[in-house]
Amino acid sequence: MSSSFFIKKKGNPKIMKQGKNTVGPKRKGDGDLGKSSKVPLKKPSRHNEEISSDSEPEGPAAPRKKASNEEQEFDETPQEKKLRLAKLYLDQLKEEEEKKAEDDSFETDLIAGRLQDEVLEQKGKLQRFIAKDLMPPDASDIRLLRGHKLPITCLVISSDEKYIFSAAKDCSIIKWDVGSGKKLYTIHGGRKGTEDRHVGHTAHILCMAISSDGKYLATGDMNKLIMIWEAETCKHLYKFTGHKGPVSGLSFRKGTHDLYSASHDRSVKVWNVDENAYVETLFGHQDAITGLDSLSRECCVTAGGRDRSVRVWKIAEESQLVFHGHEGSIDCIQLINEEHMITGADDGSVSLWSVNKKKPLSTVKQAHGCHGDVGLEQPHWVASVAALQNSDTVASGSHNSQVQLWKCGEKYRRLDPLFSIPVCGFINSLKFSSSGQFLVAGVGQEHRLGRWWRIKEAKNGIYVIPLKRKPPCPEEATVDE
């Protein structure tokens, strides 16, 4: 009796120590149950540790997965597993190396092709054959941008093809967005006599140029002034003075901020826009210079108007090459590449030149037809020319209500007409986009240099003409393959 009594007494303090919050009296078997219950309490926790976040805690799916894993483990020994993983890894490495080799060879081919094109471009021998794929655009696709009050005299396109800058006889400059056709900035012209207080031009703007990086815009006017603007914001930066006649031609040397200018004073001047500095003056023409162009070489080409000469100026050597061929005043000039150029004259002819030949390689007379009474016909003056750089495509404009596109033959030995695009008015300026996706024409009711004629039905504005390409022929594609 006494022994069992003391046993019970000893058991009660243990229960109290285990938990003071226990409810109700413990039976005789409670101690044993407490010891044995420790094992089943751990089982759920161990089971929870083994379940992944993707699997279900209950249901038949878990046992099946476990069974399949056991079978896989039973079928594949550790050595076989290592071998399988090693093979997978080797195959993956092989695929990656093959892909890398293909990419490297592709990049190498691209780089080699580009370097080859650059070498040919520098030599003036790069000729992309684009003309055969061009198609006349639909009249509905041609857009007219209107904003100038008087005839357009000149325009340029930014190298990224997002913006067009245009100028007119109203002395204003407008920056256009090509995509939307909206005006972004307008620099208004001032009245005659307000030169001291007006920021901008107060006389007809005859020419303009934009640097290849799109940083600077240069404009020249009848008041012998050259204005330099920030192309992004159209903010006025500098004013260059020095010419003694109207500034008729401007061009930035490609890849630099060196500016070449030509004037009716028969001189060519060189400026450094970064330094806001004058560099030198070159003389040679016997009459007013009517046009100027340049590319990446340190030289420029000019059209001499009534002296009927084209000149290539080698700036570093301070020398010049003289070319003759037109019968009338040469009014416009454009470089196709470093070795070839195209000119237009008031005798109605368009000529193709090489810097290595003193005479034109090819001349098309009466390129835009004639006008006037029978027996007194006069050819339409060629007022503007444009060239898609390093290609076989050029364009010319007159006042016969058409822009004419031409194809240059092999080695620039021939000029063949492609098609004409109807545009009413004087085509005073033409420019191709750098990619050749579109052609922009600056049109006016009057010629940019005078008021000899007036076409009343014409609209002063800018025509954006898309250049459509022919779809590739399946038969040709098969032959090429």
Protein backbone atom coordinates (compact mmCIF):
# COMPACT_ATOMS: atom_id res chain seq x y z
CA MET A 1 0.00 0.00 0.00
CA SER A 2 2.69 2.41 1.04
CA SER A 3 4.91 1.65 -1.99
CA SER A 4 2.14 2.27 -4.52
CA PHE A 5 1.21 5.47 -2.68
CA PHE A 6 4.75 6.85 -2.98
CA ILE A 7 4.98 5.86 -6.63
CA LYS A 8 1.92 7.92 -7.42
CA LYS A 9 3.31 10.84 -5.43
CA LYS A 10 6.54 10.75 -7.46
CA GLY A 11 4.65 10.66 -10.75
CA ASN A 12 2.66 13.84 -10.06
CA PRO A 13 5.62 16.29 -9.86
CA LYS A 14 6.96 15.04 -13.20
CA ILE A 15 3.62 15.76 -14.82
CA MET A 16 3.61 19.22 -13.27
CA LYS A 17 7.12 19.88 -14.56
CA GLN A 18 6.26 18.78 -18.07
CA GLY A 19 3.46 21.36 -18.37
CA LYS A 20 1.73 23.53 -15.82
CA ASN A 21 -1.20 24.11 -18.20
CA THR A 22 -2.22 20.41 -18.41
CA VAL A 23 -5.91 19.88 -17.84
CA GLY A 24 -7.48 16.99 -15.94
CA PRO A 25 -5.94 14.11 -13.90
CA LYS A 26 -3.56 11.70 -15.63
CA ARG A 27 -4.32 8.03 -15.72
CA LYS A 28 -1.86 5.29 -14.96
CA GLY A 29 -0.91 4.76 -18.57
CA ASP A 30 -0.39 8.43 -19.31
CA GLY A 31 3.34 8.29 -18.74
CA ASP A 32 3.78 5.44 -21.23
CA LEU A 33 1.53 7.08 -23.77
CA GLY A 34 3.51 10.30 -23.52
CA LYS A 35 6.78 8.46 -24.23
CA SER A 36 5.38 6.48 -27.14
CA SER A 37 3.62 9.55 -28.66
CA LYS A 38 6.96 11.23 -29.35
CA VAL A 39 7.56 9.01 -32.43
CA PRO A 40 4.26 9.64 -34.26
CA LEU A 41 4.57 13.40 -33.59
CA LYS A 42 7.83 13.55 -35.58
CA LYS A 43 6.43 11.59 -38.53
CA PRO A 44 4.22 14.37 -39.89
CA SER A 45 7.10 16.90 -39.70
CA ARG A 46 9.48 14.54 -41.54
CA HIS A 47 6.79 13.88 -44.14
CA ASN A 48 6.30 17.65 -44.68
CA GLU A 49 10.01 18.17 -45.25
CA GLU A 50 10.01 15.65 -48.09
CA ILE A 51 7.06 17.18 -50.01
CA SER A 52 8.09 19.72 -52.68
CA SER A 53 6.05 22.82 -53.47
CA ASP A 54 4.85 21.23 -56.75
CA SER A 55 3.48 18.03 -55.28
CA GLU A 56 0.23 17.36 -53.46
CA PRO A 57 0.27 16.43 -49.76
CA GLU A 58 -2.50 13.90 -50.20
CA GLY A 59 -3.89 11.64 -52.87
CA PRO A 60 -2.55 8.76 -54.96
CA ALA A 61 -0.16 10.93 -57.05
CA ALA A 62 2.51 11.13 -54.34
CA PRO A 63 2.89 7.35 -53.81
CA ARG A 64 3.04 6.80 -57.59
CA LYS A 65 5.77 9.39 -57.98
CA LYS A 66 7.65 7.86 -55.13
CA ALA A 67 7.29 4.44 -56.66
CA SER A 68 8.49 5.65 -60.06
CA ASN A 69 11.49 7.31 -58.44
CA GLU A 70 12.29 4.12 -56.63
CA GLU A 71 12.07 2.19 -59.90
CA GLN A 72 14.33 4.72 -61.64
CA GLU A 73 16.82 4.55 -58.82
CA PHE A 74 16.64 0.81 -58.94
CA ASP A 75 17.12 0.68 -62.74
CA GLU A 76 20.03 3.24 -62.93
CA THR A 77 23.18 2.82 -60.88
CA PRO A 78 25.15 5.90 -59.72
CA GLN A 79 27.86 5.19 -62.30
CA GLU A 80 25.29 5.03 -65.11
CA LYS A 81 23.70 8.26 -63.92
CA LYS A 82 27.08 10.01 -63.94
CA LEU A 83 27.75 8.72 -67.44
CA ARG A 84 24.35 9.90 -68.70
CA LEU A 85 24.77 13.39 -67.22
CA ALA A 86 28.28 13.64 -68.63
CA LYS A 87 26.99 12.79 -72.13
CA LEU A 88 24.23 15.40 -71.82
CA TYR A 89 26.75 18.01 -70.73
CA LEU A 90 29.08 17.19 -73.65
CA ASP A 91 26.19 17.41 -76.14
CA GLN A 92 25.20 20.79 -74.71
CA LEU A 93 28.76 22.07 -74.99
CA LYS A 94 28.96 20.82 -78.58
CA GLU A 95 25.74 22.64 -79.55
CA GLU A 96 26.92 25.87 -77.92
CA GLU A 97 30.29 25.73 -79.68
CA GLU A 98 28.66 25.04 -83.06
CA LYS A 99 26.25 27.97 -82.61
CA LYS A 100 29.10 30.23 -81.53
CA ALA A 101 31.15 29.22 -84.57
CA GLU A 102 28.20 30.00 -86.87
CA ASP A 103 27.68 33.41 -85.24
CA ASP A 104 31.40 34.21 -85.43
CA SER A 105 31.58 33.29 -89.10
CA PHE A 106 28.43 35.34 -89.81
CA GLU A 107 29.85 38.37 -87.97
CA THR A 108 33.19 37.95 -89.74
CA ASP A 109 31.44 37.90 -93.11
CA LEU A 110 29.45 41.01 -92.19
CA ILE A 111 32.54 42.91 -91.04
CA ALA A 112 34.52 41.84 -94.09
CA GLY A 113 31.68 42.91 -96.38
CA ARG A 114 31.36 46.28 -94.70
CA LEU A 115 35.10 46.92 -94.82
CA GLN A 116 35.13 46.01 -98.50
CA ASP A 117 32.25 48.44 -99.16
CA GLU A 118 34.07 51.21 -97.28
CA VAL A 119 37.24 50.66 -99.32
CA LEU A 120 35.24 50.75 -102.57
CA GLU A 121 33.38 53.84 -101.36
CA GLN A 122 36.64 55.67 -100.65
CA LYS A 123 37.91 54.75 -104.11
CA GLY A 124 34.64 55.84 -105.69
CA LYS A 125 34.01 52.39 -107.16
CA LEU A 126 31.08 51.28 -105.00
CA GLN A 127 27.91 51.05 -107.08
CA ARG A 128 24.74 49.57 -105.63
CA PHE A 129 22.33 48.47 -108.37
CA ILE A 130 18.99 49.78 -107.12
CA ALA A 131 17.42 51.34 -110.20
CA LYS A 132 16.19 48.04 -111.69
CA ASP A 133 14.01 47.41 -108.61
CA LEU A 134 12.38 50.85 -108.42
CA MET A 135 8.73 51.37 -109.34
CA PRO A 136 6.75 54.58 -109.95
CA PRO A 137 4.88 55.57 -106.76
CA ASP A 138 1.11 55.92 -106.62
CA ALA A 139 -0.13 59.51 -106.69
CA SER A 140 -2.01 58.88 -103.44
CA ASP A 141 1.24 57.94 -101.65
CA ILE A 142 2.93 61.29 -102.36
CA ARG A 143 2.62 63.71 -99.42
CA LEU A 144 2.64 67.51 -99.66
CA LEU A 145 3.93 69.47 -96.64
CA ARG A 146 2.92 73.13 -96.70
CA GLY A 147 4.22 75.88 -94.44
CA HIS A 148 6.26 78.34 -96.50
CA LYS A 149 4.51 81.33 -98.04
CA LEU A 150 6.90 81.67 -100.99
CA PRO A 151 8.72 79.18 -103.27
CA ILE A 152 11.02 76.63 -101.66
CA THR A 153 14.66 77.23 -102.57
CA CYS A 154 16.58 74.44 -100.78
CA LEU A 155 16.20 71.53 -98.37
CA VAL A 156 18.21 68.83 -96.57
CA ILE A 157 17.39 65.52 -94.88
CA SER A 158 18.99 64.42 -91.61
CA SER A 159 21.17 61.30 -91.82
CA ASP A 160 18.75 59.33 -89.59
CA GLU A 161 15.93 60.27 -92.03
CA LYS A 162 13.69 61.56 -89.23
CA TYR A 163 13.75 65.24 -90.12
CA ILE A 164 13.62 67.54 -93.15
CA PHE A 165 14.87 71.14 -93.05
CA SER A 166 13.57 73.50 -95.73
CA ALA A 167 14.08 77.16 -96.61
CA ALA A 168 12.32 79.54 -98.96
CA LYS A 169 12.23 82.98 -100.52
CA ASP A 170 10.23 84.17 -97.48
CA CYS A 171 13.53 83.91 -95.51
CA SER A 172 12.08 81.29 -93.16
CA ILE A 173 13.44 77.88 -92.12
CA ILE A 174 11.16 75.01 -91.09
CA LYS A 175 12.09 71.72 -89.42
CA TRP A 176 9.67 68.91 -90.33
CA ASP A 177 9.02 65.50 -88.81
CA VAL A 178 9.12 62.96 -91.66
CA GLY A 179 6.86 60.42 -89.96
CA SER A 180 3.97 62.73 -89.03
CA GLY A 181 4.59 65.51 -91.57
CA LYS A 182 4.22 68.12 -88.82
CA LYS A 183 6.26 71.27 -88.31
CA LEU A 184 8.55 70.98 -85.29
CA TYR A 185 10.27 74.38 -85.42
CA THR A 186 9.90 77.50 -87.53
CA ILE A 187 12.57 80.19 -87.77
CA HIS A 188 10.73 83.18 -89.21
CA GLY A 189 12.37 85.52 -91.68
CA GLY A 190 12.81 89.20 -90.98
CA ARG A 191 12.15 92.29 -93.07
CA LYS A 192 14.83 94.05 -95.02
CA GLY A 193 16.67 96.53 -92.79
CA THR A 194 16.14 94.57 -89.54
CA GLU A 195 19.46 92.64 -89.77
CA ASP A 196 20.81 94.15 -86.54
CA ARG A 197 17.92 93.12 -84.29
CA HIS A 198 16.42 90.07 -86.04
CA VAL A 199 17.81 86.59 -85.27
CA GLY A 200 17.62 84.86 -88.63
CA HIS A 201 17.68 85.68 -92.33
CA THR A 202 16.30 88.86 -93.85
CA ALA A 203 16.95 87.90 -97.50
CA HIS A 204 16.21 84.93 -99.76
CA ILE A 205 17.90 81.74 -98.48
CA LEU A 206 19.66 80.06 -101.40
CA CYS A 207 21.37 77.01 -99.85
CA MET A 208 21.64 74.88 -96.72
CA ALA A 209 23.64 71.92 -95.38
CA ILE A 210 23.51 69.62 -92.35
CA SER A 211 26.47 67.85 -90.75
CA SER A 212 26.60 64.05 -91.02
CA ASP A 213 26.12 63.67 -87.25
CA GLY A 214 23.08 65.96 -87.32
CA LYS A 215 24.60 68.50 -84.92
CA TYR A 216 24.88 71.61 -87.08
CA LEU A 217 22.69 73.20 -89.74
CA ALA A 218 24.18 75.86 -92.04
CA THR A 219 22.19 78.28 -94.23
CA GLY A 220 23.32 80.90 -96.76
CA ASP A 221 21.41 83.87 -98.14
CA MET A 222 21.42 86.74 -100.65
CA ASN A 223 22.83 89.07 -97.98
CA LYS A 224 26.26 87.33 -98.15
CA LEU A 225 25.70 85.73 -94.72
CA ILE A 226 26.14 82.16 -93.48
CA MET A 227 24.14 81.24 -90.36
CA ILE A 228 25.00 78.25 -88.16
CA TRP A 229 22.18 76.65 -86.15
CA GLU A 230 21.88 73.82 -83.66
CA ALA A 231 19.91 71.28 -85.67
CA GLU A 232 18.21 69.70 -82.65
CA THR A 233 16.66 72.88 -81.23
CA CYS A 234 17.08 75.32 -84.17
CA LYS A 235 18.96 77.64 -81.82
CA HIS A 236 21.16 80.25 -83.53
CA LEU A 237 24.88 79.73 -82.84
CA TYR A 238 27.14 81.70 -85.20
CA LYS A 239 27.13 84.06 -88.13
CA PHE A 240 29.91 83.81 -90.73
CA THR A 241 30.72 86.87 -92.83
CA GLY A 242 33.35 87.23 -95.51
CA HIS A 243 31.72 86.50 -98.86
CA LYS A 244 31.24 89.52 -101.12
CA GLY A 245 28.26 88.09 -102.96
CA PRO A 246 25.20 85.91 -102.31
CA VAL A 247 26.07 82.53 -100.76
CA SER A 248 24.94 79.94 -103.32
CA GLY A 249 26.38 76.64 -102.06
CA LEU A 250 27.09 74.96 -98.71
CA SER A 251 28.31 71.48 -97.75
CA PHE A 252 29.76 69.82 -94.66
CA ARG A 253 32.61 67.41 -95.22
CA LYS A 254 31.26 63.96 -94.28
CA GLY A 255 32.29 62.83 -90.78
CA THR A 256 33.59 66.29 -89.80
CA HIS A 257 32.40 69.79 -88.99
CA ASP A 258 34.43 71.40 -91.78
CA LEU A 259 32.13 73.58 -93.88
CA TYR A 260 32.65 74.53 -97.54
CA SER A 261 30.83 77.55 -98.95
CA ALA A 262 30.52 78.96 -102.49
CA SER A 263 29.33 82.37 -103.58
CA HIS A 264 28.49 84.56 -106.53
CA ASP A 265 31.77 86.34 -105.71
CA ARG A 266 33.42 83.35 -107.53
CA SER A 267 35.23 82.09 -104.40
CA VAL A 268 35.13 78.95 -102.28
CA LYS A 269 35.72 79.36 -98.54
CA VAL A 270 36.56 76.78 -95.87
CA TRP A 271 35.29 77.16 -92.27
CA ASN A 272 35.71 75.20 -89.03
CA VAL A 273 32.33 75.28 -87.30
CA ASP A 274 33.57 73.68 -84.05
CA GLU A 275 36.09 76.50 -83.59
CA ASN A 276 33.79 79.15 -85.10
CA ALA A 277 36.69 79.97 -87.40
CA TYR A 278 37.51 80.90 -90.99
CA VAL A 279 40.22 78.71 -92.58
CA GLU A 280 40.97 79.77 -96.18
CA THR A 281 39.65 81.05 -99.52
CA LEU A 282 40.08 79.45 -102.95
CA PHE A 283 39.69 81.24 -106.31
CA GLY A 284 39.39 79.96 -109.86
CA HIS A 285 35.90 80.36 -111.36
CA GLN A 286 35.32 83.10 -113.91
CA ASP A 287 31.65 83.60 -113.07
CA ALA A 288 29.22 83.25 -110.18
CA ILE A 289 29.30 79.78 -108.56
CA THR A 290 25.83 78.24 -108.59
CA GLY A 291 26.30 74.99 -106.67
CA LEU A 292 28.66 73.03 -104.41
CA ASP A 293 28.87 69.51 -102.98
CA SER A 294 31.31 67.32 -101.02
CA LEU A 295 31.64 63.87 -99.44
CA SER A 296 34.28 62.42 -97.08
CA ARG A 297 37.44 63.36 -99.02
CA GLU A 298 39.10 66.69 -98.31
CA CYS A 299 37.81 68.17 -101.54
CA CYS A 300 34.65 69.65 -103.01
CA VAL A 301 33.06 70.13 -106.43
CA THR A 302 31.46 73.31 -107.78
CA ALA A 303 29.37 74.39 -110.75
CA GLY A 304 30.52 77.66 -112.30
CA GLY A 305 27.33 78.92 -113.90
CA ARG A 306 28.05 80.97 -117.02
CA ASP A 307 31.75 80.06 -117.18
CA ARG A 308 30.42 76.58 -118.16
CA SER A 309 32.98 74.77 -116.02
CA VAL A 310 32.85 72.18 -113.27
CA ARG A 311 35.77 72.26 -110.83
CA VAL A 312 37.14 69.77 -108.31
CA TRP A 313 38.94 71.56 -105.47
CA LYS A 314 41.68 69.66 -103.63
CA ILE A 315 41.73 71.61 -100.38
CA ALA A 316 44.93 70.23 -98.84
CA GLU A 317 46.93 70.62 -102.05
CA GLU A 318 45.30 73.98 -102.86
CA SER A 319 44.81 72.83 -106.44
CA GLN A 320 41.83 72.40 -108.76
CA LEU A 321 40.74 70.35 -111.77
CA VAL A 322 38.67 72.03 -114.49
CA PHE A 323 35.99 70.24 -116.58
CA HIS A 324 33.99 71.53 -119.57
CA GLY A 325 31.01 70.04 -121.37
CA HIS A 326 27.71 71.98 -121.05
CA GLU A 327 26.67 74.57 -123.60
CA GLY A 328 24.71 76.69 -121.11
CA SER A 329 24.94 77.86 -117.52
CA ILE A 330 25.57 74.95 -115.12
CA ASP A 331 23.06 75.56 -112.33
CA CYS A 332 23.27 72.46 -110.12
CA ILE A 333 25.72 69.72 -109.17
CA GLN A 334 25.70 66.61 -106.96
CA LEU A 335 28.27 63.91 -106.16
CA ILE A 336 27.20 60.29 -106.71
CA ASN A 337 30.36 58.93 -105.06
CA GLU A 338 33.93 60.13 -104.58
CA GLU A 339 34.72 59.67 -108.29
CA HIS A 340 31.48 60.52 -110.11
CA MET A 341 29.01 63.42 -110.21
CA ILE A 342 25.94 64.67 -112.05
CA THR A 343 25.16 68.20 -113.26
CA GLY A 344 22.23 70.06 -114.79
CA ALA A 345 22.23 73.20 -116.94
CA ASP A 346 19.87 75.78 -118.38
CA ASP A 347 20.43 74.30 -121.86
CA GLY A 348 18.19 71.44 -120.67
CA SER A 349 20.98 68.86 -120.47
CA VAL A 350 21.97 66.46 -117.69
CA SER A 351 25.57 65.22 -117.66
CA LEU A 352 27.40 62.42 -115.89
CA TRP A 353 31.08 63.01 -115.01
CA SER A 354 34.14 61.21 -113.71
CA VAL A 355 36.86 63.15 -111.87
CA ASN A 356 39.37 61.36 -114.12
CA LYS A 357 37.89 62.65 -117.40
CA LYS A 358 37.80 66.26 -118.59
CA LYS A 359 34.61 65.69 -120.60
CA PRO A 360 31.27 64.19 -119.50
CA LEU A 361 30.94 60.40 -119.63
CA SER A 362 27.35 60.80 -120.77
CA THR A 363 25.03 63.72 -121.61
CA VAL A 364 21.27 63.71 -122.16
CA LYS A 365 20.13 66.81 -124.06
CA GLN A 366 16.64 68.24 -123.57
CA ALA A 367 16.25 65.94 -120.60
CA HIS A 368 12.92 67.54 -119.66
CA GLY A 369 11.67 68.45 -123.12
CA CYS A 370 11.00 71.87 -124.62
CA HIS A 371 8.44 74.66 -124.35
CA GLY A 372 7.46 77.65 -126.48
CA ASP A 373 6.00 78.33 -129.90
CA VAL A 374 6.75 76.17 -132.92
CA GLY A 375 10.14 77.07 -134.31
CA LEU A 376 11.06 78.98 -131.12
CA GLU A 377 11.20 76.06 -128.71
CA GLN A 378 13.42 76.40 -125.69
CA PRO A 379 14.48 73.48 -123.50
CA HIS A 380 13.20 73.37 -119.92
CA TRP A 381 15.99 74.47 -117.59
CA VAL A 382 17.29 71.77 -115.27
CA ALA A 383 16.90 73.48 -111.89
CA SER A 384 17.98 70.65 -109.57
CA VAL A 385 19.67 67.25 -109.53
CA ALA A 386 20.01 64.60 -106.82
CA ALA A 387 21.94 61.35 -106.47
CA LEU A 388 21.43 58.34 -104.23
CA GLN A 389 24.98 57.97 -102.92
CA ASN A 390 27.02 54.99 -104.14
CA SER A 391 24.18 53.74 -106.32
CA ASP A 392 23.09 53.82 -109.96
CA THR A 393 20.06 56.08 -109.33
CA VAL A 394 19.89 59.86 -109.93
CA ALA A 395 17.07 62.36 -110.37
CA SER A 396 16.55 65.73 -112.01
CA GLY A 397 13.91 68.43 -111.78
CA SER A 398 12.71 71.27 -113.98
CA HIS A 399 9.45 73.19 -114.48
CA ASN A 400 7.77 70.73 -116.84
CA SER A 401 5.73 69.36 -113.89
CA GLN A 402 7.81 66.19 -113.63
CA VAL A 403 10.63 64.76 -111.55
CA GLN A 404 12.69 62.48 -113.80
CA LEU A 405 14.54 59.45 -112.41
CA TRP A 406 17.56 58.08 -114.27
CA LYS A 407 19.58 54.89 -114.21
CA CYS A 408 23.36 55.10 -114.55
CA GLY A 409 24.76 52.39 -116.80
CA GLU A 410 27.68 50.14 -115.98
CA LYS A 411 30.75 52.14 -114.89
CA TYR A 412 28.61 55.30 -115.22
CA ARG A 413 29.00 55.34 -119.01
CA ARG A 414 25.33 55.90 -119.80
CA LEU A 415 22.18 57.62 -118.51
CA ASP A 416 18.87 55.87 -119.19
CA PRO A 417 15.45 57.26 -118.15
CA LEU A 418 13.63 55.17 -115.56
CA PHE A 419 10.28 56.91 -115.01
CA SER A 420 8.88 60.34 -114.23
CA ILE A 421 6.83 61.48 -111.24
CA PRO A 422 4.20 64.21 -111.80
CA VAL A 423 4.89 67.25 -109.58
CA CYS A 424 3.48 70.64 -110.63
CA GLY A 425 5.79 73.65 -110.31
CA PHE A 426 9.48 74.50 -110.33
CA ILE A 427 11.49 71.67 -108.78
CA ASN A 428 14.01 73.93 -107.04
CA SER A 429 15.61 71.26 -104.83
CA LEU A 430 15.84 67.46 -104.77
CA LYS A 431 17.26 65.13 -102.13
CA PHE A 432 17.29 61.34 -101.68
CA SER A 433 17.13 59.88 -98.19
CA SER A 434 20.34 58.04 -97.28
CA SER A 435 18.62 54.63 -97.43
CA GLY A 436 16.83 55.41 -100.68
CA GLN A 437 13.39 54.88 -99.15
CA PHE A 438 12.05 58.24 -100.29
CA LEU A 439 12.83 61.30 -102.41
CA VAL A 440 12.02 64.85 -101.28
CA ALA A 441 11.30 67.68 -103.74
CA GLY A 442 11.20 71.38 -102.84
CA VAL A 443 8.67 73.00 -105.16
CA GLY A 444 7.71 76.60 -105.89
CA GLN A 445 5.71 78.73 -108.28
CA GLU A 446 8.98 80.41 -109.37
CA HIS A 447 12.58 79.49 -110.11
CA ARG A 448 14.77 79.73 -107.00
CA LEU A 449 17.14 82.28 -108.59
CA GLY A 450 14.64 84.63 -110.25
CA ARG A 451 11.13 85.40 -111.44
CA TRP A 452 11.34 84.68 -115.16
CA TRP A 453 8.17 82.55 -115.13
CA ARG A 454 5.36 81.89 -112.71
CA ILE A 455 3.19 78.76 -112.54
CA LYS A 456 0.05 79.90 -110.71
CA GLU A 457 -1.46 76.45 -110.25
CA ALA A 458 1.68 75.18 -108.46
CA LYS A 459 1.80 74.96 -104.67
CA ASN A 460 4.77 76.15 -102.64
CA GLY A 461 5.67 73.14 -100.52
CA ILE A 462 7.63 69.96 -99.99
CA TYR A 463 6.69 66.72 -101.72
CA VAL A 464 7.72 63.49 -99.97
CA ILE A 465 7.83 60.79 -102.65
CA PRO A 466 8.16 57.15 -101.49
CA LEU A 467 10.33 54.95 -103.71
CA LYS A 468 8.62 51.61 -104.11
CA ARG A 469 10.60 48.43 -104.78
CA LYS A 470 9.56 45.56 -107.03
CA PRO A 471 8.77 42.35 -105.12
CA PRO A 472 11.44 39.68 -105.72
CA CYS A 473 10.45 37.30 -108.53
CA PRO A 474 10.25 33.60 -107.42
CA GLU A 475 12.07 32.49 -110.59
CA GLU A 476 14.92 34.93 -109.97
CA ALA A 477 15.17 33.82 -106.36
CA THR A 478 15.43 30.20 -107.49
CA VAL A 479 18.18 31.08 -109.99
CA ASP A 480 20.09 32.99 -107.32
CA GLU A 481 19.92 30.03 -104.97
